[in-house]
Amino acid sequence: MSGRVSILVSINCTTYNHENYIADAIESFLSQKTNFNYEILIGEDCSTDNTKQIVEKYAKMYSEKIKLITSSHNVGARKNSLRLIENSKGKYIAECEGDDYWTDPYKLQRQVDYMENHPDCSLCFHSAEIIQAPDKSTGRMIRSYFEDTISPIGDIISGGGGFCPTPSLLYPKRYMETPPSYYLKAPIGDYPMQMYLASQGYAYYMDRCMSAYRTGVKGSWTNRMSFGSNIKGKIIQINEGIIQLLDGFSESTKHEYQNEVNKAKQKIEFELLILKKQKKEQKYFNFGKYSWLLKIKARIKIFIRCNYPKLFLKLSKLKTAKISRKTNE
């Protein structure tokens, strides 16, 4: 492939301290069978292990296909992702973090075929197998629906960042060239991206497992937010950031999805009342028909999350594997 060859897809891979996993990701990109040209951009964020050396080895072996993007200092996950988008040449961008990988060699071809035939589609995603790091199969999946279907934006808003597996995302690059301010300010990246992209056209789900999502990776964002000191403070900061994100999304869409946003905010707002020990406000908080039950569940969730983070992560993984089942029953 030369610089003059038209590239249809840019595979954007952000990586940091993934020396035990990055080769799996790169090999899965190289194994894709397509009738179009694609490039692989790897944003290496100054890892403290051997991740950069592994990426450099692949970039040297496949110099016409793989491009390493790095800097002299750590820029953080958001800027790392944005600089990959800025350097992408493809019409579409396929996302996959360095500790995840793809499992189907026709993944890109299937998604691009759909997108090319449905120009109004602004996001395409599919199911993913859940792998316990380093390589243990859990027998579980992130499976949003049980058939190929258009995903209502309400499901994406209520489902949180885990609704669409990150290594499954494919979207037209043009939408993320000038991302909204709420995306840039959000404490998490996947959730605002998914909501924003779905609001630009529609999201389409393919009921086919074509990627693997690793959990329990040492140093991952989830692990860093769940362990160490001041767990309560971290949760408060994240929850406040998510509420600001939801408000920003609602404002940018002229409150078209306000009902869905309000439902998503309810539990988060109540959790903040618990964390800040605002007992009077907790008492009069109204969840609706099942107010008492949801209040009890919220208190139990916060107690486990703050005092037993390992148990909380295990329970969260089970919930992720069953995500959106209620919408199918």
C-alpha atoms as a PDB file:
ATOM      1  CA  MET A   1       0.000   0.000   0.000  1.00  0.00           C
ATOM      2  CA  SER A   2       1.341   3.446  -0.841  1.00  0.00           C
ATOM      3  CA  GLY A   3       0.254   6.870   0.338  1.00  0.00           C
ATOM      4  CA  ARG A   4      -1.681   7.299  -2.907  1.00  0.00           C
ATOM      5  CA  VAL A   5      -3.853   4.248  -2.340  1.00  0.00           C
ATOM      6  CA  SER A   6      -7.341   5.116  -1.156  1.00  0.00           C
ATOM      7  CA  ILE A   7      -7.928   3.950   2.407  1.00  0.00           C
ATOM      8  CA  LEU A   8     -11.492   3.159   3.390  1.00  0.00           C
ATOM      9  CA  VAL A   9     -10.992   2.250   7.065  1.00  0.00           C
ATOM     10  CA  SER A  10      -8.620   3.455   9.747  1.00  0.00           C
ATOM     11  CA  ILE A  11      -8.203   1.018  12.631  1.00  0.00           C
ATOM     12  CA  ASN A  12      -7.525   3.192  15.678  1.00  0.00           C
ATOM     13  CA  CYS A  13      -5.861   1.425  18.586  1.00  0.00           C
ATOM     14  CA  THR A  14      -4.973   3.261  21.799  1.00  0.00           C
ATOM     15  CA  THR A  15      -2.523   1.469  24.051  1.00  0.00           C
ATOM     16  CA  TYR A  16      -0.743   1.968  27.365  1.00  0.00           C
ATOM     17  CA  ASN A  17       1.136  -0.734  29.296  1.00  0.00           C
ATOM     18  CA  HIS A  18      -0.352  -3.530  27.206  1.00  0.00           C
ATOM     19  CA  GLU A  19       2.821  -5.525  26.559  1.00  0.00           C
ATOM     20  CA  ASN A  20       1.034  -8.828  27.256  1.00  0.00           C
ATOM     21  CA  TYR A  21      -1.885  -8.037  24.936  1.00  0.00           C
ATOM     22  CA  ILE A  22      -0.950  -5.637  22.144  1.00  0.00           C
ATOM     23  CA  ALA A  23       0.368  -8.362  19.827  1.00  0.00           C
ATOM     24  CA  ASP A  24      -3.040 -10.108  19.956  1.00  0.00           C
ATOM     25  CA  ALA A  25      -4.726  -6.874  18.911  1.00  0.00           C
ATOM     26  CA  ILE A  26      -2.322  -6.167  16.044  1.00  0.00           C
ATOM     27  CA  GLU A  27      -2.437  -9.740  14.734  1.00  0.00           C
ATOM     28  CA  SER A  28      -6.240  -9.600  14.721  1.00  0.00           C
ATOM     29  CA  PHE A  29      -6.118  -6.384  12.668  1.00  0.00           C
ATOM     30  CA  LEU A  30      -3.684  -7.882  10.170  1.00  0.00           C
ATOM     31  CA  SER A  31      -5.878 -10.981   9.769  1.00  0.00           C
ATOM     32  CA  GLN A  32      -8.823  -8.992   8.386  1.00  0.00           C
ATOM     33  CA  LYS A  33      -9.957 -10.118   4.937  1.00  0.00           C
ATOM     34  CA  THR A  34     -11.357  -7.188   2.984  1.00  0.00           C
ATOM     35  CA  ASN A  35     -11.915  -6.006  -0.582  1.00  0.00           C
ATOM     36  CA  PHE A  36     -10.726  -2.526   0.442  1.00  0.00           C
ATOM     37  CA  ASN A  37      -7.571  -0.986   1.863  1.00  0.00           C
ATOM     38  CA  TYR A  38      -7.222  -0.188   5.522  1.00  0.00           C
ATOM     39  CA  GLU A  39      -4.561   1.313   7.775  1.00  0.00           C
ATOM     40  CA  ILE A  40      -3.640   0.592  11.380  1.00  0.00           C
ATOM     41  CA  LEU A  41      -2.882   3.550  13.637  1.00  0.00           C
ATOM     42  CA  ILE A  42      -1.519   2.753  17.087  1.00  0.00           C
ATOM     43  CA  GLY A  43      -1.472   5.499  19.685  1.00  0.00           C
ATOM     44  CA  GLU A  44       1.221   4.470  22.169  1.00  0.00           C
ATOM     45  CA  ASP A  45       1.026   6.710  25.240  1.00  0.00           C
ATOM     46  CA  CYS A  46       4.554   6.373  26.654  1.00  0.00           C
ATOM     47  CA  SER A  47       4.098   3.010  28.329  1.00  0.00           C
ATOM     48  CA  THR A  48       6.427   2.063  31.168  1.00  0.00           C
ATOM     49  CA  ASP A  49       6.678  -1.539  29.945  1.00  0.00           C
ATOM     50  CA  ASN A  50       7.654  -3.014  26.562  1.00  0.00           C
ATOM     51  CA  THR A  51       4.489  -2.034  24.682  1.00  0.00           C
ATOM     52  CA  LYS A  52       6.247   0.565  22.512  1.00  0.00           C
ATOM     53  CA  GLN A  53       9.022  -1.856  21.487  1.00  0.00           C
ATOM     54  CA  ILE A  54       6.446  -4.447  20.419  1.00  0.00           C
ATOM     55  CA  VAL A  55       4.511  -1.869  18.377  1.00  0.00           C
ATOM     56  CA  GLU A  56       7.730  -0.595  16.780  1.00  0.00           C
ATOM     57  CA  LYS A  57       8.593  -4.152  15.729  1.00  0.00           C
ATOM     58  CA  TYR A  58       5.246  -4.576  13.975  1.00  0.00           C
ATOM     59  CA  ALA A  59       5.426  -1.100  12.443  1.00  0.00           C
ATOM     60  CA  LYS A  60       8.795  -1.988  10.944  1.00  0.00           C
ATOM     61  CA  MET A  61       7.533  -5.317   9.591  1.00  0.00           C
ATOM     62  CA  TYR A  62       4.362  -3.769   8.114  1.00  0.00           C
ATOM     63  CA  SER A  63       5.551  -0.239   7.410  1.00  0.00           C
ATOM     64  CA  GLU A  64       3.009   0.344   4.635  1.00  0.00           C
ATOM     65  CA  LYS A  65       0.057  -0.597   6.830  1.00  0.00           C
ATOM     66  CA  ILE A  66       0.947   0.214  10.458  1.00  0.00           C
ATOM     67  CA  LYS A  67       1.708   3.694  11.766  1.00  0.00           C
ATOM     68  CA  LEU A  68       2.915   4.379  15.300  1.00  0.00           C
ATOM     69  CA  ILE A  69       1.714   7.647  16.823  1.00  0.00           C
ATOM     70  CA  THR A  70       3.361   8.662  20.073  1.00  0.00           C
ATOM     71  CA  SER A  71       5.046  11.587  21.817  1.00  0.00           C
ATOM     72  CA  SER A  72       7.743  12.380  24.348  1.00  0.00           C
ATOM     73  CA  HIS A  73       5.270  12.469  27.228  1.00  0.00           C
ATOM     74  CA  ASN A  74       2.028  10.798  28.331  1.00  0.00           C
ATOM     75  CA  VAL A  75      -1.013  12.667  26.959  1.00  0.00           C
ATOM     76  CA  GLY A  76      -3.854  10.644  28.510  1.00  0.00           C
ATOM     77  CA  ALA A  77      -6.547   8.460  26.974  1.00  0.00           C
ATOM     78  CA  ARG A  78      -8.715  11.248  25.534  1.00  0.00           C
ATOM     79  CA  LYS A  79      -5.935  13.107  23.712  1.00  0.00           C
ATOM     80  CA  ASN A  80      -4.446   9.817  22.600  1.00  0.00           C
ATOM     81  CA  SER A  81      -7.741   8.893  20.946  1.00  0.00           C
ATOM     82  CA  LEU A  82      -8.216  12.340  19.397  1.00  0.00           C
ATOM     83  CA  ARG A  83      -4.771  12.404  17.816  1.00  0.00           C
ATOM     84  CA  LEU A  84      -5.498   9.065  16.156  1.00  0.00           C
ATOM     85  CA  ILE A  85      -8.685  10.506  14.669  1.00  0.00           C
ATOM     86  CA  GLU A  86      -6.765  13.545  13.450  1.00  0.00           C
ATOM     87  CA  ASN A  87      -4.240  11.324  11.677  1.00  0.00           C
ATOM     88  CA  SER A  88      -6.777   8.890  10.207  1.00  0.00           C
ATOM     89  CA  LYS A  89      -7.084   8.749   6.425  1.00  0.00           C
ATOM     90  CA  GLY A  90     -10.082   6.437   6.252  1.00  0.00           C
ATOM     91  CA  LYS A  91     -13.704   7.238   5.565  1.00  0.00           C
ATOM     92  CA  TYR A  92     -14.552   5.029   8.548  1.00  0.00           C
ATOM     93  CA  ILE A  93     -12.870   4.472  11.896  1.00  0.00           C
ATOM     94  CA  ALA A  94     -12.857   1.118  13.684  1.00  0.00           C
ATOM     95  CA  GLU A  95     -12.028   1.250  17.405  1.00  0.00           C
ATOM     96  CA  CYS A  96     -10.123  -1.319  19.440  1.00  0.00           C
ATOM     97  CA  GLU A  97      -8.044  -0.733  22.562  1.00  0.00           C
ATOM     98  CA  GLY A  98      -4.702  -2.445  22.946  1.00  0.00           C
ATOM     99  CA  ASP A  99      -5.881  -5.007  25.486  1.00  0.00           C
ATOM    100  CA  ASP A 100      -8.812  -6.185  23.326  1.00  0.00           C
ATOM    101  CA  TYR A 101      -8.804  -7.962  19.965  1.00  0.00           C
ATOM    102  CA  TRP A 102     -10.985  -9.111  17.079  1.00  0.00           C
ATOM    103  CA  THR A 103     -12.021 -12.738  16.567  1.00  0.00           C
ATOM    104  CA  ASP A 104     -13.600 -12.720  13.097  1.00  0.00           C
ATOM    105  CA  PRO A 105     -11.482 -12.038   9.981  1.00  0.00           C
ATOM    106  CA  TYR A 106     -14.557 -10.680   8.168  1.00  0.00           C
ATOM    107  CA  LYS A 107     -15.564  -8.231  10.904  1.00  0.00           C
ATOM    108  CA  LEU A 108     -14.517  -5.097   9.021  1.00  0.00           C
ATOM    109  CA  GLN A 109     -15.965  -6.285   5.722  1.00  0.00           C
ATOM    110  CA  ARG A 110     -19.380  -7.021   7.249  1.00  0.00           C
ATOM    111  CA  GLN A 111     -19.612  -3.699   9.032  1.00  0.00           C
ATOM    112  CA  VAL A 112     -18.355  -1.632   6.105  1.00  0.00           C
ATOM    113  CA  ASP A 113     -20.730  -3.381   3.700  1.00  0.00           C
ATOM    114  CA  TYR A 114     -23.629  -2.357   5.923  1.00  0.00           C
ATOM    115  CA  MET A 115     -22.427   1.204   6.338  1.00  0.00           C
ATOM    116  CA  GLU A 116     -21.816   1.655   2.620  1.00  0.00           C
ATOM    117  CA  ASN A 117     -25.341   0.445   1.846  1.00  0.00           C
ATOM    118  CA  HIS A 118     -26.931   2.523   4.616  1.00  0.00           C
ATOM    119  CA  PRO A 119     -25.385   6.012   4.579  1.00  0.00           C
ATOM    120  CA  ASP A 120     -27.733   7.231   7.321  1.00  0.00           C
ATOM    121  CA  CYS A 121     -26.169   4.804   9.793  1.00  0.00           C
ATOM    122  CA  SER A 122     -23.755   6.686  12.055  1.00  0.00           C
ATOM    123  CA  LEU A 123     -22.595   3.823  14.301  1.00  0.00           C
ATOM    124  CA  CYS A 124     -22.297   0.070  13.840  1.00  0.00           C
ATOM    125  CA  PHE A 125     -21.506  -2.346  16.677  1.00  0.00           C
ATOM    126  CA  HIS A 126     -21.761  -6.039  17.523  1.00  0.00           C
ATOM    127  CA  SER A 127     -21.447  -8.482  20.409  1.00  0.00           C
ATOM    128  CA  ALA A 128     -18.182  -9.365  22.119  1.00  0.00           C
ATOM    129  CA  GLU A 129     -16.847 -12.274  24.155  1.00  0.00           C
ATOM    130  CA  ILE A 130     -15.705 -11.421  27.687  1.00  0.00           C
ATOM    131  CA  ILE A 131     -12.186 -12.636  28.448  1.00  0.00           C
ATOM    132  CA  GLN A 132     -10.687 -12.593  31.938  1.00  0.00           C
ATOM    133  CA  ALA A 133      -7.101 -11.360  31.666  1.00  0.00           C
ATOM    134  CA  PRO A 134      -4.829 -12.724  30.515  1.00  0.00           C
ATOM    135  CA  ASP A 135      -6.643 -15.293  28.359  1.00  0.00           C
ATOM    136  CA  LYS A 136      -9.317 -17.092  30.358  1.00  0.00           C
ATOM    137  CA  SER A 137     -12.644 -17.607  28.650  1.00  0.00           C
ATOM    138  CA  THR A 138     -15.582 -16.679  30.870  1.00  0.00           C
ATOM    139  CA  GLY A 139     -18.278 -18.145  28.648  1.00  0.00           C
ATOM    140  CA  ARG A 140     -20.023 -14.776  28.819  1.00  0.00           C
ATOM    141  CA  MET A 141     -20.762 -12.118  26.239  1.00  0.00           C
ATOM    142  CA  ILE A 142     -21.750  -8.509  25.888  1.00  0.00           C
ATOM    143  CA  ARG A 143     -24.787  -9.095  23.711  1.00  0.00           C
ATOM    144  CA  SER A 144     -27.033  -6.070  23.427  1.00  0.00           C
ATOM    145  CA  TYR A 145     -29.854  -7.770  21.491  1.00  0.00           C
ATOM    146  CA  PHE A 146     -30.683 -11.208  20.150  1.00  0.00           C
ATOM    147  CA  GLU A 147     -30.968 -10.263  16.487  1.00  0.00           C
ATOM    148  CA  ASP A 148     -29.622  -7.755  13.984  1.00  0.00           C
ATOM    149  CA  THR A 149     -31.478  -4.548  14.696  1.00  0.00           C
ATOM    150  CA  ILE A 150     -31.473  -0.773  14.798  1.00  0.00           C
ATOM    151  CA  SER A 151     -30.613   0.216  18.361  1.00  0.00           C
ATOM    152  CA  PRO A 152     -32.934   2.859  19.865  1.00  0.00           C
ATOM    153  CA  ILE A 153     -30.884   5.722  21.256  1.00  0.00           C
ATOM    154  CA  GLY A 154     -32.735   5.335  24.556  1.00  0.00           C
ATOM    155  CA  ASP A 155     -31.071   1.954  25.038  1.00  0.00           C
ATOM    156  CA  ILE A 156     -27.637   3.491  24.508  1.00  0.00           C
ATOM    157  CA  ILE A 157     -28.352   6.331  26.943  1.00  0.00           C
ATOM    158  CA  SER A 158     -29.638   3.978  29.654  1.00  0.00           C
ATOM    159  CA  GLY A 159     -27.051   1.284  28.964  1.00  0.00           C
ATOM    160  CA  GLY A 160     -24.007   3.368  29.847  1.00  0.00           C
ATOM    161  CA  GLY A 161     -20.572   2.997  28.265  1.00  0.00           C
ATOM    162  CA  GLY A 162     -20.644  -0.794  28.360  1.00  0.00           C
ATOM    163  CA  PHE A 163     -23.706  -1.141  26.152  1.00  0.00           C
ATOM    164  CA  CYS A 164     -21.674  -1.130  22.924  1.00  0.00           C
ATOM    165  CA  PRO A 165     -18.383  -3.046  23.303  1.00  0.00           C
ATOM    166  CA  THR A 166     -15.474  -0.748  22.423  1.00  0.00           C
ATOM    167  CA  PRO A 167     -13.730  -3.258  20.106  1.00  0.00           C
ATOM    168  CA  SER A 168     -16.954  -3.489  18.073  1.00  0.00           C
ATOM    169  CA  LEU A 169     -17.366   0.189  17.174  1.00  0.00           C
ATOM    170  CA  LEU A 170     -17.210   1.419  13.584  1.00  0.00           C
ATOM    171  CA  TYR A 171     -18.386   4.855  12.457  1.00  0.00           C
ATOM    172  CA  PRO A 172     -17.831   7.506   9.763  1.00  0.00           C
ATOM    173  CA  LYS A 173     -14.783   9.596  10.631  1.00  0.00           C
ATOM    174  CA  ARG A 174     -16.480  12.892   9.776  1.00  0.00           C
ATOM    175  CA  TYR A 175     -18.645  12.772  12.904  1.00  0.00           C
ATOM    176  CA  MET A 176     -15.669  12.730  15.284  1.00  0.00           C
ATOM    177  CA  GLU A 177     -13.553  15.336  13.505  1.00  0.00           C
ATOM    178  CA  THR A 178     -15.256  18.070  15.551  1.00  0.00           C
ATOM    179  CA  PRO A 179     -16.624  16.279  18.639  1.00  0.00           C
ATOM    180  CA  PRO A 180     -19.023  18.136  20.968  1.00  0.00           C
ATOM    181  CA  SER A 181     -17.744  19.830  24.109  1.00  0.00           C
ATOM    182  CA  TYR A 182     -19.529  17.366  26.415  1.00  0.00           C
ATOM    183  CA  TYR A 183     -17.439  14.564  24.899  1.00  0.00           C
ATOM    184  CA  LEU A 184     -14.203  16.458  25.482  1.00  0.00           C
ATOM    185  CA  LYS A 185     -15.095  17.195  29.129  1.00  0.00           C
ATOM    186  CA  ALA A 186     -16.576  13.803  30.065  1.00  0.00           C
ATOM    187  CA  PRO A 187     -14.789  11.615  32.664  1.00  0.00           C
ATOM    188  CA  ILE A 188     -15.234   8.612  30.363  1.00  0.00           C
ATOM    189  CA  GLY A 189     -14.835   8.295  26.603  1.00  0.00           C
ATOM    190  CA  ASP A 190     -16.979   5.477  25.206  1.00  0.00           C
ATOM    191  CA  TYR A 191     -20.328   6.572  26.634  1.00  0.00           C
ATOM    192  CA  PRO A 192     -20.452  10.118  25.187  1.00  0.00           C
ATOM    193  CA  MET A 193     -19.084   8.889  21.863  1.00  0.00           C
ATOM    194  CA  GLN A 194     -21.806   6.261  21.560  1.00  0.00           C
ATOM    195  CA  MET A 195     -24.597   8.696  22.434  1.00  0.00           C
ATOM    196  CA  TYR A 196     -23.254  11.380  20.131  1.00  0.00           C
ATOM    197  CA  LEU A 197     -22.796   9.052  17.161  1.00  0.00           C
ATOM    198  CA  ALA A 198     -26.245   7.484  17.627  1.00  0.00           C
ATOM    199  CA  SER A 199     -27.803  10.954  17.646  1.00  0.00           C
ATOM    200  CA  GLN A 200     -26.232  11.836  14.282  1.00  0.00           C
ATOM    201  CA  GLY A 201     -28.146   9.173  12.347  1.00  0.00           C
ATOM    202  CA  TYR A 202     -28.841   5.805  13.895  1.00  0.00           C
ATOM    203  CA  ALA A 203     -26.950   2.948  15.523  1.00  0.00           C
ATOM    204  CA  TYR A 204     -27.086  -0.558  14.066  1.00  0.00           C
ATOM    205  CA  TYR A 205     -26.328  -3.746  15.989  1.00  0.00           C
ATOM    206  CA  MET A 206     -25.069  -6.961  14.381  1.00  0.00           C
ATOM    207  CA  ASP A 207     -25.865 -10.026  16.443  1.00  0.00           C
ATOM    208  CA  ARG A 208     -22.559 -11.701  15.717  1.00  0.00           C
ATOM    209  CA  CYS A 209     -19.639 -12.108  18.133  1.00  0.00           C
ATOM    210  CA  MET A 210     -16.610 -10.687  16.329  1.00  0.00           C
ATOM    211  CA  SER A 211     -14.366  -9.378  19.087  1.00  0.00           C
ATOM    212  CA  ALA A 212     -13.028 -10.094  22.573  1.00  0.00           C
ATOM    213  CA  TYR A 213     -13.246  -7.681  25.484  1.00  0.00           C
ATOM    214  CA  ARG A 214     -10.710  -8.248  28.271  1.00  0.00           C
ATOM    215  CA  THR A 215     -11.545  -7.551  31.902  1.00  0.00           C
ATOM    216  CA  GLY A 216      -9.286  -7.528  34.934  1.00  0.00           C
ATOM    217  CA  VAL A 217      -6.371  -5.938  33.108  1.00  0.00           C
ATOM    218  CA  LYS A 218      -3.904  -4.489  35.616  1.00  0.00           C
ATOM    219  CA  GLY A 219      -3.754  -0.710  35.398  1.00  0.00           C
ATOM    220  CA  SER A 220      -6.983  -0.378  33.408  1.00  0.00           C
ATOM    221  CA  TRP A 221      -9.245   2.623  34.041  1.00  0.00           C
ATOM    222  CA  THR A 222     -11.832   0.434  35.755  1.00  0.00           C
ATOM    223  CA  ASN A 223      -9.278  -1.054  38.143  1.00  0.00           C
ATOM    224  CA  ARG A 224      -7.735   2.328  38.919  1.00  0.00           C
ATOM    225  CA  MET A 225     -11.131   3.801  39.750  1.00  0.00           C
ATOM    226  CA  SER A 226     -12.100   0.840  41.941  1.00  0.00           C
ATOM    227  CA  PHE A 227      -8.993   0.395  44.094  1.00  0.00           C
ATOM    228  CA  GLY A 228      -6.512   2.471  46.030  1.00  0.00           C
ATOM    229  CA  SER A 229      -7.282   5.394  48.294  1.00  0.00           C
ATOM    230  CA  ASN A 230     -10.357   7.636  48.365  1.00  0.00           C
ATOM    231  CA  ILE A 231     -12.676   5.322  46.445  1.00  0.00           C
ATOM    232  CA  LYS A 232     -15.683   7.338  47.600  1.00  0.00           C
ATOM    233  CA  GLY A 233     -14.159  10.559  46.290  1.00  0.00           C
ATOM    234  CA  LYS A 234     -13.450   8.939  42.926  1.00  0.00           C
ATOM    235  CA  ILE A 235     -17.043   7.724  42.617  1.00  0.00           C
ATOM    236  CA  ILE A 236     -18.396  11.180  43.465  1.00  0.00           C
ATOM    237  CA  GLN A 237     -16.168  12.792  40.860  1.00  0.00           C
ATOM    238  CA  ILE A 238     -17.145  10.290  38.154  1.00  0.00           C
ATOM    239  CA  ASN A 239     -20.871  10.493  38.921  1.00  0.00           C
ATOM    240  CA  GLU A 240     -20.852  14.281  38.891  1.00  0.00           C
ATOM    241  CA  GLY A 241     -19.013  14.172  35.576  1.00  0.00           C
ATOM    242  CA  ILE A 242     -21.566  11.762  34.083  1.00  0.00           C
ATOM    243  CA  ILE A 243     -24.458  14.000  35.127  1.00  0.00           C
ATOM    244  CA  GLN A 244     -22.744  16.963  33.447  1.00  0.00           C
ATOM    245  CA  LEU A 245     -22.208  14.771  30.391  1.00  0.00           C
ATOM    246  CA  LEU A 246     -25.889  13.797  30.224  1.00  0.00           C
ATOM    247  CA  ASP A 247     -26.978  17.410  30.646  1.00  0.00           C
ATOM    248  CA  GLY A 248     -24.574  18.481  27.912  1.00  0.00           C
ATOM    249  CA  PHE A 249     -25.853  15.802  25.567  1.00  0.00           C
ATOM    250  CA  SER A 250     -29.460  16.786  26.240  1.00  0.00           C
ATOM    251  CA  GLU A 251     -28.735  20.443  25.597  1.00  0.00           C
ATOM    252  CA  SER A 252     -26.882  19.708  22.372  1.00  0.00           C
ATOM    253  CA  THR A 253     -29.810  17.634  21.066  1.00  0.00           C
ATOM    254  CA  LYS A 254     -32.291  20.365  22.064  1.00  0.00           C
ATOM    255  CA  HIS A 255     -33.712  18.065  24.768  1.00  0.00           C
ATOM    256  CA  GLU A 256     -35.080  15.611  22.202  1.00  0.00           C
ATOM    257  CA  TYR A 257     -34.148  12.705  24.485  1.00  0.00           C
ATOM    258  CA  GLN A 258     -34.830  14.406  27.822  1.00  0.00           C
ATOM    259  CA  ASN A 259     -36.995  11.582  29.190  1.00  0.00           C
ATOM    260  CA  GLU A 260     -34.254   9.033  28.528  1.00  0.00           C
ATOM    261  CA  VAL A 261     -31.644  11.344  30.029  1.00  0.00           C
ATOM    262  CA  ASN A 262     -33.730  11.915  33.157  1.00  0.00           C
ATOM    263  CA  LYS A 263     -34.071   8.171  33.704  1.00  0.00           C
ATOM    264  CA  ALA A 264     -30.326   7.695  33.307  1.00  0.00           C
ATOM    265  CA  LYS A 265     -29.628  10.496  35.785  1.00  0.00           C
ATOM    266  CA  GLN A 266     -31.989   9.266  38.515  1.00  0.00           C
ATOM    267  CA  LYS A 267     -29.858   6.481  39.954  1.00  0.00           C
ATOM    268  CA  ILE A 268     -26.687   8.526  39.669  1.00  0.00           C
ATOM    269  CA  GLU A 269     -28.231  11.462  41.512  1.00  0.00           C
ATOM    270  CA  PHE A 270     -29.458   9.190  44.299  1.00  0.00           C
ATOM    271  CA  GLU A 271     -26.027   7.580  44.608  1.00  0.00           C
ATOM    272  CA  LEU A 272     -24.538  11.047  45.072  1.00  0.00           C
ATOM    273  CA  LEU A 273     -26.993  11.748  47.904  1.00  0.00           C
ATOM    274  CA  ILE A 274     -25.826   8.555  49.625  1.00  0.00           C
ATOM    275  CA  LEU A 275     -22.142   9.313  49.075  1.00  0.00           C
ATOM    276  CA  LYS A 276     -22.541  12.862  50.381  1.00  0.00           C
ATOM    277  CA  LYS A 277     -24.677  11.639  53.330  1.00  0.00           C
ATOM    278  CA  GLN A 278     -27.611  13.883  52.488  1.00  0.00           C
ATOM    279  CA  LYS A 279     -30.167  11.801  54.388  1.00  0.00           C
ATOM    280  CA  LYS A 280     -33.091  14.204  54.201  1.00  0.00           C
ATOM    281  CA  GLU A 281     -32.836  14.434  50.411  1.00  0.00           C
ATOM    282  CA  GLN A 282     -32.555  10.634  50.206  1.00  0.00           C
ATOM    283  CA  LYS A 283     -35.795  10.235  52.127  1.00  0.00           C
ATOM    284  CA  TYR A 284     -37.830  12.368  49.743  1.00  0.00           C
ATOM    285  CA  PHE A 285     -36.165  11.220  46.518  1.00  0.00           C
ATOM    286  CA  ASN A 286     -38.799   9.740  44.219  1.00  0.00           C
ATOM    287  CA  PHE A 287     -37.969   6.866  41.884  1.00  0.00           C
ATOM    288  CA  GLY A 288     -41.603   6.320  41.030  1.00  0.00           C
ATOM    289  CA  LYS A 289     -43.536   3.094  41.476  1.00  0.00           C
ATOM    290  CA  TYR A 290     -40.648   1.050  42.911  1.00  0.00           C
ATOM    291  CA  SER A 291     -38.996   3.883  44.868  1.00  0.00           C
ATOM    292  CA  TRP A 292     -38.334   1.895  48.043  1.00  0.00           C
ATOM    293  CA  LEU A 293     -36.793  -1.051  46.203  1.00  0.00           C
ATOM    294  CA  LEU A 294     -34.527   1.084  44.033  1.00  0.00           C
ATOM    295  CA  LYS A 295     -33.367   3.050  47.070  1.00  0.00           C
ATOM    296  CA  ILE A 296     -32.368  -0.168  48.842  1.00  0.00           C
ATOM    297  CA  LYS A 297     -30.531  -1.427  45.757  1.00  0.00           C
ATOM    298  CA  ALA A 298     -28.666   1.867  45.389  1.00  0.00           C
ATOM    299  CA  ARG A 299     -27.523   1.794  49.025  1.00  0.00           C
ATOM    300  CA  ILE A 300     -26.345  -1.809  48.720  1.00  0.00           C
ATOM    301  CA  LYS A 301     -24.487  -0.977  45.500  1.00  0.00           C
ATOM    302  CA  ILE A 302     -22.630   1.962  47.056  1.00  0.00           C
ATOM    303  CA  PHE A 303     -21.798  -0.033  50.207  1.00  0.00           C
ATOM    304  CA  ILE A 304     -20.301  -2.901  48.199  1.00  0.00           C
ATOM    305  CA  ARG A 305     -18.498  -0.593  45.779  1.00  0.00           C
ATOM    306  CA  CYS A 306     -16.800   1.400  48.536  1.00  0.00           C
ATOM    307  CA  ASN A 307     -16.042  -1.465  50.938  1.00  0.00           C
ATOM    308  CA  TYR A 308     -15.698  -4.555  48.741  1.00  0.00           C
ATOM    309  CA  PRO A 309     -14.438  -3.347  45.319  1.00  0.00           C
ATOM    310  CA  LYS A 310     -13.407  -6.822  44.130  1.00  0.00           C
ATOM    311  CA  LEU A 311     -16.899  -8.166  44.761  1.00  0.00           C
ATOM    312  CA  PHE A 312     -18.399  -5.102  43.082  1.00  0.00           C
ATOM    313  CA  LEU A 313     -16.328  -5.694  39.934  1.00  0.00           C
ATOM    314  CA  LYS A 314     -17.409  -9.333  39.800  1.00  0.00           C
ATOM    315  CA  LEU A 315     -21.069  -8.351  40.086  1.00  0.00           C
ATOM    316  CA  SER A 316     -20.606  -5.622  37.468  1.00  0.00           C
ATOM    317  CA  LYS A 317     -19.169  -8.142  35.021  1.00  0.00           C
ATOM    318  CA  LEU A 318     -22.216 -10.369  35.443  1.00  0.00           C
ATOM    319  CA  LYS A 319     -24.479  -7.379  34.822  1.00  0.00           C
ATOM    320  CA  THR A 320     -22.497  -6.382  31.724  1.00  0.00           C
ATOM    321  CA  ALA A 321     -22.865  -9.870  30.285  1.00  0.00           C
ATOM    322  CA  LYS A 322     -26.638  -9.637  30.642  1.00  0.00           C
ATOM    323  CA  ILE A 323     -26.905  -6.048  29.440  1.00  0.00           C
ATOM    324  CA  SER A 324     -30.100  -5.091  27.667  1.00  0.00           C
ATOM    325  CA  ARG A 325     -31.793  -8.448  28.185  1.00  0.00           C
ATOM    326  CA  LYS A 326     -34.848  -6.652  29.561  1.00  0.00           C
ATOM    327  CA  THR A 327     -35.358  -4.897  26.251  1.00  0.00           C
ATOM    328  CA  ASN A 328     -35.636  -8.300  24.593  1.00  0.00           C
ATOM    329  CA  GLU A 329     -38.053  -9.953  26.990  1.00  0.00           C
END
